[in-house]
N, C-alpha and C. Protein backbone atom coordinates (compact mmCIF):
# COMPACT_ATOMS: atom_id res chain seq x y z
N MET A 1 185.49 -19.93 19.34
CA MET A 1 185.26 -18.89 18.38
C MET A 1 186.29 -19.05 17.29
N ALA A 2 185.88 -18.86 16.09
CA ALA A 2 186.80 -18.99 14.97
C ALA A 2 186.65 -17.81 14.05
N GLU A 3 187.75 -17.38 13.50
CA GLU A 3 187.72 -16.31 12.51
C GLU A 3 188.01 -16.93 11.16
N LYS A 4 187.32 -16.49 10.15
CA LYS A 4 187.53 -17.03 8.81
C LYS A 4 188.38 -16.06 8.01
N THR A 5 189.49 -16.56 7.47
CA THR A 5 190.37 -15.74 6.64
C THR A 5 189.95 -15.95 5.20
N VAL A 6 189.69 -14.85 4.50
CA VAL A 6 189.22 -14.93 3.12
C VAL A 6 190.28 -14.35 2.20
N ALA A 7 190.46 -15.00 1.05
CA ALA A 7 191.46 -14.53 0.07
C ALA A 7 191.03 -13.20 -0.51
N THR A 8 192.01 -12.32 -0.71
CA THR A 8 191.73 -11.04 -1.35
C THR A 8 191.72 -11.23 -2.86
N PRO A 9 191.06 -10.36 -3.63
CA PRO A 9 191.00 -10.54 -5.08
C PRO A 9 192.37 -10.53 -5.74
N ASP A 10 193.35 -9.78 -5.21
CA ASP A 10 194.66 -9.68 -5.84
C ASP A 10 195.54 -10.88 -5.56
N ILE A 11 195.37 -11.50 -4.41
CA ILE A 11 196.24 -12.60 -4.01
C ILE A 11 195.40 -13.87 -3.91
N GLN A 12 195.81 -14.91 -4.56
CA GLN A 12 195.08 -16.17 -4.52
C GLN A 12 195.61 -17.02 -3.37
N GLN A 13 194.83 -17.07 -2.25
CA GLN A 13 195.19 -17.87 -1.09
C GLN A 13 194.02 -18.79 -0.77
N PRO A 14 194.31 -19.97 -0.28
CA PRO A 14 193.22 -20.85 0.12
C PRO A 14 192.51 -20.28 1.36
N THR A 15 191.23 -20.54 1.47
CA THR A 15 190.46 -20.12 2.63
C THR A 15 190.78 -21.05 3.79
N THR A 16 191.17 -20.47 4.92
CA THR A 16 191.50 -21.26 6.10
C THR A 16 190.71 -20.75 7.29
N THR A 17 190.66 -21.54 8.31
CA THR A 17 190.01 -21.15 9.54
C THR A 17 191.06 -21.02 10.62
N GLU A 18 191.06 -19.88 11.26
CA GLU A 18 192.02 -19.64 12.33
C GLU A 18 191.28 -19.73 13.66
N HIS A 19 191.70 -20.63 14.51
CA HIS A 19 191.05 -20.80 15.80
C HIS A 19 191.69 -19.86 16.81
N THR A 20 190.85 -19.18 17.53
CA THR A 20 191.34 -18.29 18.58
C THR A 20 190.74 -18.76 19.90
N ARG A 21 191.40 -18.39 20.99
CA ARG A 21 190.87 -18.81 22.28
C ARG A 21 189.70 -17.92 22.68
N ASN A 22 188.84 -18.47 23.48
CA ASN A 22 187.69 -17.74 23.99
C ASN A 22 188.15 -16.75 25.05
N HIS A 23 187.75 -15.53 24.95
CA HIS A 23 188.08 -14.52 25.95
C HIS A 23 186.87 -14.34 26.86
N ASP A 24 187.07 -14.55 28.15
CA ASP A 24 186.00 -14.33 29.09
C ASP A 24 185.79 -12.83 29.26
N ARG A 25 184.54 -12.41 29.15
CA ARG A 25 184.20 -11.01 29.33
C ARG A 25 183.36 -10.89 30.60
N TYR A 26 183.58 -9.81 31.32
CA TYR A 26 182.85 -9.57 32.55
C TYR A 26 182.25 -8.17 32.53
N VAL A 27 181.09 -8.05 33.14
CA VAL A 27 180.48 -6.75 33.37
C VAL A 27 180.19 -6.63 34.86
N ALA A 28 180.13 -5.42 35.33
CA ALA A 28 179.79 -5.17 36.74
C ALA A 28 178.28 -5.26 36.88
N PRO A 29 177.79 -6.15 37.74
CA PRO A 29 176.34 -6.23 37.92
C PRO A 29 175.82 -4.98 38.63
N PRO A 30 174.62 -4.55 38.28
CA PRO A 30 174.06 -3.40 39.01
C PRO A 30 173.73 -3.84 40.44
N VAL A 31 174.03 -2.97 41.39
CA VAL A 31 173.79 -3.27 42.80
C VAL A 31 173.06 -2.12 43.48
N ASP A 32 172.32 -2.48 44.50
CA ASP A 32 171.74 -1.52 45.45
C ASP A 32 172.33 -1.87 46.80
N ILE A 33 172.75 -0.85 47.54
CA ILE A 33 173.29 -1.06 48.88
C ILE A 33 172.52 -0.15 49.82
N TYR A 34 172.02 -0.74 50.89
CA TYR A 34 171.35 0.09 51.88
C TYR A 34 171.74 -0.36 53.28
N GLU A 35 171.59 0.56 54.21
CA GLU A 35 172.00 0.30 55.58
C GLU A 35 170.78 0.03 56.45
N THR A 36 170.89 -0.98 57.29
CA THR A 36 169.87 -1.28 58.28
C THR A 36 170.48 -1.04 59.66
N ARG A 37 169.70 -1.26 60.67
CA ARG A 37 170.20 -1.07 62.03
C ARG A 37 171.34 -2.05 62.34
N ASP A 38 171.26 -3.26 61.73
CA ASP A 38 172.24 -4.30 62.03
C ASP A 38 173.42 -4.35 61.08
N GLY A 39 173.36 -3.65 59.96
CA GLY A 39 174.48 -3.70 59.02
C GLY A 39 174.10 -3.19 57.64
N LEU A 40 174.76 -3.72 56.64
CA LEU A 40 174.51 -3.34 55.25
C LEU A 40 173.87 -4.50 54.50
N VAL A 41 173.07 -4.17 53.51
CA VAL A 41 172.48 -5.18 52.62
C VAL A 41 172.87 -4.80 51.20
N VAL A 42 173.40 -5.77 50.47
CA VAL A 42 173.80 -5.57 49.08
C VAL A 42 172.90 -6.44 48.21
N LEU A 43 172.22 -5.81 47.24
CA LEU A 43 171.40 -6.54 46.28
C LEU A 43 172.08 -6.42 44.92
N ALA A 44 172.41 -7.56 44.31
CA ALA A 44 173.09 -7.56 43.02
C ALA A 44 172.27 -8.36 42.02
N ASP A 45 172.02 -7.79 40.85
CA ASP A 45 171.29 -8.48 39.78
C ASP A 45 172.26 -9.36 39.00
N LEU A 46 172.00 -10.67 39.00
CA LEU A 46 172.85 -11.64 38.32
C LEU A 46 171.99 -12.58 37.48
N PRO A 47 171.35 -12.07 36.43
CA PRO A 47 170.47 -12.93 35.63
C PRO A 47 171.24 -14.05 34.94
N GLY A 48 170.67 -15.25 34.99
CA GLY A 48 171.29 -16.40 34.33
C GLY A 48 172.38 -17.08 35.12
N VAL A 49 172.64 -16.63 36.36
CA VAL A 49 173.70 -17.22 37.18
C VAL A 49 173.07 -18.21 38.16
N ALA A 50 173.53 -19.46 38.12
CA ALA A 50 173.08 -20.48 39.07
C ALA A 50 173.98 -20.47 40.29
N LYS A 51 173.48 -21.06 41.36
CA LYS A 51 174.25 -21.11 42.61
C LYS A 51 175.62 -21.76 42.40
N GLU A 52 175.67 -22.80 41.57
CA GLU A 52 176.92 -23.51 41.33
C GLU A 52 177.93 -22.66 40.55
N ALA A 53 177.47 -21.65 39.83
CA ALA A 53 178.35 -20.80 39.02
C ALA A 53 178.62 -19.46 39.68
N LEU A 54 178.33 -19.36 40.97
CA LEU A 54 178.50 -18.11 41.71
C LEU A 54 179.60 -18.28 42.76
N ASP A 55 180.49 -17.29 42.81
CA ASP A 55 181.58 -17.29 43.79
C ASP A 55 181.55 -15.96 44.53
N VAL A 56 181.28 -16.02 45.82
CA VAL A 56 181.27 -14.83 46.67
C VAL A 56 182.30 -15.09 47.76
N ARG A 57 183.27 -14.18 47.88
CA ARG A 57 184.33 -14.38 48.87
C ARG A 57 184.83 -13.05 49.41
N VAL A 58 185.48 -13.13 50.59
CA VAL A 58 186.14 -11.99 51.20
C VAL A 58 187.60 -12.37 51.36
N ASP A 59 188.48 -11.51 50.84
CA ASP A 59 189.91 -11.74 50.96
C ASP A 59 190.60 -10.39 51.09
N ASN A 60 191.37 -10.22 52.16
CA ASN A 60 192.08 -8.96 52.42
C ASN A 60 191.15 -7.75 52.37
N ASN A 61 190.04 -7.84 53.08
CA ASN A 61 189.05 -6.76 53.18
C ASN A 61 188.37 -6.42 51.86
N VAL A 62 188.42 -7.31 50.89
CA VAL A 62 187.77 -7.07 49.60
C VAL A 62 186.71 -8.14 49.39
N LEU A 63 185.47 -7.69 49.21
CA LEU A 63 184.35 -8.57 48.89
C LEU A 63 184.30 -8.73 47.38
N THR A 64 184.36 -9.97 46.90
CA THR A 64 184.34 -10.24 45.46
C THR A 64 183.11 -11.05 45.10
N ILE A 65 182.41 -10.59 44.06
CA ILE A 65 181.26 -11.31 43.50
C ILE A 65 181.64 -11.68 42.08
N ARG A 66 181.61 -12.98 41.77
CA ARG A 66 181.92 -13.45 40.41
C ARG A 66 180.86 -14.49 40.05
N GLY A 67 180.22 -14.29 38.91
CA GLY A 67 179.19 -15.22 38.46
C GLY A 67 179.29 -15.48 36.98
N GLN A 68 179.05 -16.74 36.60
CA GLN A 68 179.05 -17.11 35.18
C GLN A 68 177.63 -17.44 34.76
N ALA A 69 177.12 -16.65 33.85
CA ALA A 69 175.75 -16.85 33.37
C ALA A 69 175.72 -17.95 32.32
N ARG A 70 174.68 -18.75 32.36
CA ARG A 70 174.50 -19.84 31.40
C ARG A 70 173.06 -19.84 30.91
N HIS A 71 172.90 -20.21 29.64
CA HIS A 71 171.56 -20.38 29.10
C HIS A 71 170.95 -21.64 29.68
N ALA A 72 169.69 -21.60 29.99
CA ALA A 72 169.00 -22.74 30.59
C ALA A 72 168.28 -23.55 29.52
N VAL A 73 169.02 -24.03 28.53
CA VAL A 73 168.43 -24.86 27.48
C VAL A 73 169.06 -26.25 27.56
N PRO A 74 168.30 -27.29 27.23
CA PRO A 74 168.80 -28.66 27.40
C PRO A 74 169.83 -29.10 26.37
N SER A 75 169.98 -28.39 25.26
CA SER A 75 170.93 -28.82 24.23
C SER A 75 171.61 -27.61 23.60
N ASP A 76 172.41 -27.86 22.56
CA ASP A 76 173.11 -26.77 21.88
C ASP A 76 172.13 -25.85 21.18
N MET A 77 172.48 -24.57 21.13
CA MET A 77 171.63 -23.58 20.46
C MET A 77 171.78 -23.70 18.95
N THR A 78 170.69 -23.58 18.25
CA THR A 78 170.71 -23.53 16.80
C THR A 78 170.89 -22.10 16.34
N TYR A 79 170.26 -21.18 17.03
CA TYR A 79 170.32 -19.77 16.69
C TYR A 79 170.24 -18.97 17.99
N ARG A 80 171.06 -17.94 18.10
CA ARG A 80 171.06 -17.12 19.31
C ARG A 80 171.27 -15.68 18.91
N GLU A 81 170.44 -14.78 19.44
CA GLU A 81 170.55 -13.35 19.14
C GLU A 81 171.27 -12.58 20.24
N TYR A 82 171.45 -13.16 21.37
CA TYR A 82 172.16 -12.47 22.45
C TYR A 82 173.02 -13.47 23.18
N GLU A 83 174.05 -12.95 23.82
CA GLU A 83 174.97 -13.78 24.57
C GLU A 83 175.00 -13.32 26.01
N LEU A 84 174.93 -14.27 26.90
CA LEU A 84 175.03 -13.93 28.32
C LEU A 84 176.48 -13.61 28.66
N ILE A 85 176.67 -12.67 29.55
CA ILE A 85 178.00 -12.23 29.92
C ILE A 85 178.22 -12.55 31.39
N ASN A 86 179.44 -12.82 31.75
CA ASN A 86 179.79 -13.10 33.14
C ASN A 86 179.84 -11.81 33.95
N PHE A 87 179.70 -11.97 35.26
CA PHE A 87 179.65 -10.82 36.16
C PHE A 87 180.84 -10.83 37.10
N PHE A 88 181.35 -9.64 37.40
CA PHE A 88 182.46 -9.49 38.34
C PHE A 88 182.37 -8.11 38.98
N ARG A 89 182.44 -8.10 40.31
CA ARG A 89 182.42 -6.81 41.03
C ARG A 89 183.13 -6.99 42.36
N GLN A 90 183.84 -5.94 42.78
CA GLN A 90 184.54 -5.98 44.05
C GLN A 90 184.23 -4.73 44.86
N PHE A 91 184.20 -4.91 46.18
CA PHE A 91 183.97 -3.82 47.11
C PHE A 91 184.98 -3.93 48.24
N GLU A 92 185.52 -2.80 48.65
CA GLU A 92 186.39 -2.79 49.81
C GLU A 92 185.52 -2.66 51.05
N LEU A 93 185.74 -3.54 52.01
CA LEU A 93 184.92 -3.55 53.22
C LEU A 93 185.54 -2.68 54.31
N HIS A 94 184.67 -2.03 55.03
CA HIS A 94 185.09 -1.22 56.18
C HIS A 94 185.36 -2.17 57.35
N GLU A 95 186.21 -1.75 58.26
CA GLU A 95 186.53 -2.62 59.40
C GLU A 95 185.34 -2.83 60.32
N LYS A 96 184.28 -2.06 60.16
CA LYS A 96 183.09 -2.22 61.00
C LYS A 96 182.21 -3.38 60.56
N VAL A 97 182.55 -4.04 59.44
CA VAL A 97 181.77 -5.18 58.96
C VAL A 97 182.33 -6.45 59.59
N ASP A 98 181.43 -7.27 60.16
CA ASP A 98 181.82 -8.54 60.75
C ASP A 98 181.91 -9.59 59.63
N ARG A 99 183.10 -9.84 59.15
CA ARG A 99 183.32 -10.72 58.00
C ARG A 99 182.90 -12.16 58.27
N GLN A 100 182.94 -12.59 59.51
CA GLN A 100 182.61 -13.98 59.86
C GLN A 100 181.11 -14.26 59.77
N ARG A 101 180.30 -13.23 59.81
CA ARG A 101 178.84 -13.43 59.82
C ARG A 101 178.16 -12.99 58.53
N ILE A 102 178.89 -12.76 57.46
CA ILE A 102 178.29 -12.39 56.18
C ILE A 102 177.51 -13.58 55.64
N THR A 103 176.28 -13.31 55.17
CA THR A 103 175.46 -14.36 54.58
C THR A 103 175.06 -13.95 53.17
N ALA A 104 174.78 -14.97 52.34
CA ALA A 104 174.40 -14.73 50.95
C ALA A 104 173.21 -15.60 50.59
N ASP A 105 172.31 -15.04 49.77
CA ASP A 105 171.13 -15.77 49.31
C ASP A 105 170.90 -15.40 47.85
N LEU A 106 170.73 -16.40 46.99
CA LEU A 106 170.47 -16.17 45.56
C LEU A 106 169.07 -16.67 45.24
N LYS A 107 168.23 -15.75 44.77
CA LYS A 107 166.85 -16.10 44.46
C LYS A 107 166.40 -15.34 43.22
N CYS A 108 165.97 -16.07 42.21
CA CYS A 108 165.44 -15.49 40.97
C CYS A 108 166.42 -14.50 40.33
N GLY A 109 167.71 -14.82 40.35
CA GLY A 109 168.71 -13.98 39.71
C GLY A 109 169.14 -12.78 40.52
N VAL A 110 168.71 -12.68 41.77
CA VAL A 110 169.11 -11.56 42.63
C VAL A 110 169.89 -12.11 43.82
N LEU A 111 171.11 -11.66 43.98
CA LEU A 111 171.96 -12.03 45.10
C LEU A 111 171.74 -11.02 46.22
N THR A 112 171.43 -11.53 47.41
CA THR A 112 171.27 -10.68 48.59
C THR A 112 172.37 -11.03 49.58
N LEU A 113 173.20 -10.05 49.88
CA LEU A 113 174.27 -10.21 50.86
C LEU A 113 173.94 -9.40 52.10
N HIS A 114 174.04 -10.03 53.25
CA HIS A 114 173.86 -9.33 54.52
C HIS A 114 175.24 -9.18 55.15
N LEU A 115 175.64 -7.93 55.34
CA LEU A 115 176.94 -7.62 55.92
C LEU A 115 176.70 -7.02 57.30
N PRO A 116 176.69 -7.86 58.35
CA PRO A 116 176.38 -7.35 59.69
C PRO A 116 177.50 -6.49 60.25
N LYS A 117 177.10 -5.55 61.07
CA LYS A 117 178.08 -4.70 61.76
C LYS A 117 178.76 -5.51 62.85
N ALA A 118 180.02 -5.21 63.06
CA ALA A 118 180.74 -5.82 64.18
C ALA A 118 180.14 -5.29 65.48
N GLU A 119 180.17 -6.10 66.52
CA GLU A 119 179.57 -5.70 67.79
C GLU A 119 180.13 -4.38 68.30
N ALA A 120 181.42 -4.15 68.12
CA ALA A 120 182.04 -2.91 68.59
C ALA A 120 181.53 -1.70 67.83
N ALA A 121 181.03 -1.90 66.60
CA ALA A 121 180.57 -0.78 65.78
C ALA A 121 179.09 -0.46 65.96
N LYS A 122 178.34 -1.37 66.61
CA LYS A 122 176.91 -1.14 66.80
C LYS A 122 176.68 -0.06 67.85
N PRO A 123 175.68 0.78 67.61
CA PRO A 123 175.38 1.79 68.63
C PRO A 123 174.85 1.11 69.89
N ARG A 124 175.15 1.69 71.02
CA ARG A 124 174.66 1.12 72.27
C ARG A 124 174.19 2.24 73.18
N GLN A 125 173.26 1.89 73.99
CA GLN A 125 172.71 2.83 74.95
C GLN A 125 173.64 2.87 76.16
N ILE A 126 173.93 4.06 76.63
CA ILE A 126 174.79 4.23 77.80
C ILE A 126 173.90 4.62 78.98
N ALA A 127 173.97 3.83 80.00
CA ALA A 127 173.16 4.09 81.19
C ALA A 127 173.69 5.31 81.94
N VAL A 128 172.80 6.18 82.31
CA VAL A 128 173.17 7.37 83.07
C VAL A 128 172.84 7.12 84.54
N GLN A 129 173.81 7.30 85.40
CA GLN A 129 173.60 7.09 86.82
C GLN A 129 173.44 8.43 87.54
N VAL A 130 172.58 8.41 88.47
CA VAL A 130 172.35 9.61 89.27
C VAL A 130 173.16 9.45 90.56
N GLY A 131 173.95 10.42 90.88
CA GLY A 131 174.87 10.28 92.00
C GLY A 131 174.54 11.06 93.17
């Protein structure tokens, strides 16, 4: 990205181009979270994000979703009216989530995360004995 500096009418300065660094911008993707018998399911909308540009990780009980959206065109754009923005969202996980069995699936721009309950957190039937 470059900013163009233009001379003011009162001061005669040459026109120069000032280069600035690109600032990565992130937005929180919209998510739906629902509970099933076996755990939680997280659905996150990540339009324009390919599998290679997606990072899903758990660190210190924090689930992080980071995705970089890219235009799917074979060459440089001549004209563009909108810009894709990167995605970033974090969730604190409850201790009842089995972090070792979390799975992720990306299909048509929708990330589906399955967060299974730990065995100790699953409801269980208690047998009643007659004495």
